[in-house]
Amino acid sequence: MPLWGDGRVAAANSGIEPLGVDPEELTEEDLIREMESLHRTRLDTLRHATDSALATHLRRTAELETEYLARHPGREVDPTRLREV
């Protein structure tokens, strides 16, 4: 599955059953809420969930974040978060 790019909901064409509502159908508020929920449970899922639960978590996170980036291609980058090379 592409992490970012044109294949936003890779599961739709891959024979893998979709997870929840198609991210393209979510309102902005719902998209943010879903991402916040996944990020809140990230460490616990990584450390303690079954392999299949972790795979599902990763797949849904990628779908939602890909949709967010598609909606906000020119998102504002906080200059204080940049690292000097």
C-alpha atoms as a PDB file:
ATOM      1  CA  MET A   1       0.000   0.000   0.000  1.00  0.00           C
ATOM      2  CA  PRO A   2       1.356   3.419  -0.853  1.00  0.00           C
ATOM      3  CA  LEU A   3       1.978   5.547   2.201  1.00  0.00           C
ATOM      4  CA  TRP A   4       1.295   8.805   0.368  1.00  0.00           C
ATOM      5  CA  GLY A   5       0.124   9.525  -3.127  1.00  0.00           C
ATOM      6  CA  ASP A   6      -2.616   8.920  -5.618  1.00  0.00           C
ATOM      7  CA  GLY A   7      -3.727   5.479  -4.355  1.00  0.00           C
ATOM      8  CA  ARG A   8      -5.376   7.059  -1.326  1.00  0.00           C
ATOM      9  CA  VAL A   9      -7.535   4.108  -0.325  1.00  0.00           C
ATOM     10  CA  ALA A  10      -5.434   1.218  -1.524  1.00  0.00           C
ATOM     11  CA  ALA A  11      -7.677  -1.314   0.182  1.00  0.00           C
ATOM     12  CA  ALA A  12     -10.528  -0.449  -2.174  1.00  0.00           C
ATOM     13  CA  ASN A  13      -8.747  -2.008  -5.157  1.00  0.00           C
ATOM     14  CA  SER A  14      -6.566  -4.591  -3.452  1.00  0.00           C
ATOM     15  CA  GLY A  15      -9.144  -7.188  -2.460  1.00  0.00           C
ATOM     16  CA  ILE A  16      -8.660  -6.224   1.195  1.00  0.00           C
ATOM     17  CA  GLU A  17     -11.844  -5.373   3.039  1.00  0.00           C
ATOM     18  CA  PRO A  18     -12.093  -1.630   3.783  1.00  0.00           C
ATOM     19  CA  LEU A  19     -11.673  -0.458   7.376  1.00  0.00           C
ATOM     20  CA  GLY A  20     -14.538   1.737   8.521  1.00  0.00           C
ATOM     21  CA  VAL A  21     -15.810   4.664   6.522  1.00  0.00           C
ATOM     22  CA  ASP A  22     -13.897   5.586   3.392  1.00  0.00           C
ATOM     23  CA  PRO A  23     -11.656   8.491   4.462  1.00  0.00           C
ATOM     24  CA  GLU A  24     -12.783  10.526   1.421  1.00  0.00           C
ATOM     25  CA  GLU A  25     -16.328  10.470   2.839  1.00  0.00           C
ATOM     26  CA  LEU A  26     -15.341  11.805   6.275  1.00  0.00           C
ATOM     27  CA  THR A  27     -15.899  15.427   7.156  1.00  0.00           C
ATOM     28  CA  GLU A  28     -12.797  17.372   8.150  1.00  0.00           C
ATOM     29  CA  GLU A  29     -13.831  17.162  11.806  1.00  0.00           C
ATOM     30  CA  ASP A  30     -14.374  13.397  11.624  1.00  0.00           C
ATOM     31  CA  LEU A  31     -11.073  12.849   9.811  1.00  0.00           C
ATOM     32  CA  ILE A  32      -9.150  14.737  12.510  1.00  0.00           C
ATOM     33  CA  ARG A  33     -11.018  12.924  15.298  1.00  0.00           C
ATOM     34  CA  GLU A  34     -10.241   9.525  13.756  1.00  0.00           C
ATOM     35  CA  MET A  35      -6.541  10.385  13.386  1.00  0.00           C
ATOM     36  CA  GLU A  36      -6.383  11.667  16.966  1.00  0.00           C
ATOM     37  CA  SER A  37      -7.904   8.411  18.204  1.00  0.00           C
ATOM     38  CA  LEU A  38      -5.420   6.270  16.278  1.00  0.00           C
ATOM     39  CA  HIS A  39      -2.448   8.322  17.437  1.00  0.00           C
ATOM     40  CA  ARG A  40      -3.649   8.162  21.054  1.00  0.00           C
ATOM     41  CA  THR A  41      -3.632   4.351  20.926  1.00  0.00           C
ATOM     42  CA  ARG A  42      -0.474   3.998  18.804  1.00  0.00           C
ATOM     43  CA  LEU A  43       2.063   2.984  21.435  1.00  0.00           C
ATOM     44  CA  ASP A  44      -0.250   0.546  23.182  1.00  0.00           C
ATOM     45  CA  THR A  45      -1.127  -1.079  19.860  1.00  0.00           C
ATOM     46  CA  LEU A  46       2.524  -1.294  18.832  1.00  0.00           C
ATOM     47  CA  ARG A  47       3.599  -2.841  22.128  1.00  0.00           C
ATOM     48  CA  HIS A  48       0.704  -5.114  23.018  1.00  0.00           C
ATOM     49  CA  ALA A  49      -1.669  -5.830  20.126  1.00  0.00           C
ATOM     50  CA  THR A  50      -1.681  -8.948  17.989  1.00  0.00           C
ATOM     51  CA  ASP A  51       0.071  -8.829  14.634  1.00  0.00           C
ATOM     52  CA  SER A  52      -3.250  -8.598  12.811  1.00  0.00           C
ATOM     53  CA  ALA A  53      -4.482  -5.770  15.062  1.00  0.00           C
ATOM     54  CA  LEU A  54      -1.230  -3.871  14.490  1.00  0.00           C
ATOM     55  CA  ALA A  55      -1.519  -4.390  10.731  1.00  0.00           C
ATOM     56  CA  THR A  56      -5.083  -3.077  10.800  1.00  0.00           C
ATOM     57  CA  HIS A  57      -3.998  -0.086  12.879  1.00  0.00           C
ATOM     58  CA  LEU A  58      -1.145   0.707  10.486  1.00  0.00           C
ATOM     59  CA  ARG A  59      -3.363   0.339   7.427  1.00  0.00           C
ATOM     60  CA  ARG A  60      -6.113   2.596   8.788  1.00  0.00           C
ATOM     61  CA  THR A  61      -3.577   5.189   9.938  1.00  0.00           C
ATOM     62  CA  ALA A  62      -2.040   5.255   6.455  1.00  0.00           C
ATOM     63  CA  GLU A  63      -5.477   5.630   4.832  1.00  0.00           C
ATOM     64  CA  LEU A  64      -6.473   8.530   7.074  1.00  0.00           C
ATOM     65  CA  GLU A  65      -3.133  10.334   6.892  1.00  0.00           C
ATOM     66  CA  THR A  66      -3.037   9.939   3.112  1.00  0.00           C
ATOM     67  CA  GLU A  67      -6.486  11.518   2.881  1.00  0.00           C
ATOM     68  CA  TYR A  68      -5.379  14.371   5.161  1.00  0.00           C
ATOM     69  CA  LEU A  69      -2.345  15.068   2.972  1.00  0.00           C
ATOM     70  CA  ALA A  70      -4.499  14.946  -0.164  1.00  0.00           C
ATOM     71  CA  ARG A  71      -6.807  17.575   1.338  1.00  0.00           C
ATOM     72  CA  HIS A  72      -3.941  19.746   2.609  1.00  0.00           C
ATOM     73  CA  PRO A  73      -1.100  19.514   0.079  1.00  0.00           C
ATOM     74  CA  GLY A  74       0.192  22.963   1.032  1.00  0.00           C
ATOM     75  CA  ARG A  75      -0.227  22.516   4.755  1.00  0.00           C
ATOM     76  CA  GLU A  76       1.595  25.033   6.901  1.00  0.00           C
ATOM     77  CA  VAL A  77       4.892  23.773   8.265  1.00  0.00           C
ATOM     78  CA  ASP A  78       5.949  25.183  11.620  1.00  0.00           C
ATOM     79  CA  PRO A  79       9.479  26.584  11.115  1.00  0.00           C
ATOM     80  CA  THR A  80      10.358  25.728  14.713  1.00  0.00           C
ATOM     81  CA  ARG A  81       9.989  22.051  13.824  1.00  0.00           C
ATOM     82  CA  LEU A  82      12.601  22.162  11.077  1.00  0.00           C
ATOM     83  CA  ARG A  83      16.033  20.707  11.684  1.00  0.00           C
ATOM     84  CA  GLU A  84      19.103  22.381  10.339  1.00  0.00           C
ATOM     85  CA  VAL A  85      21.255  20.076   8.282  1.00  0.00           C
END
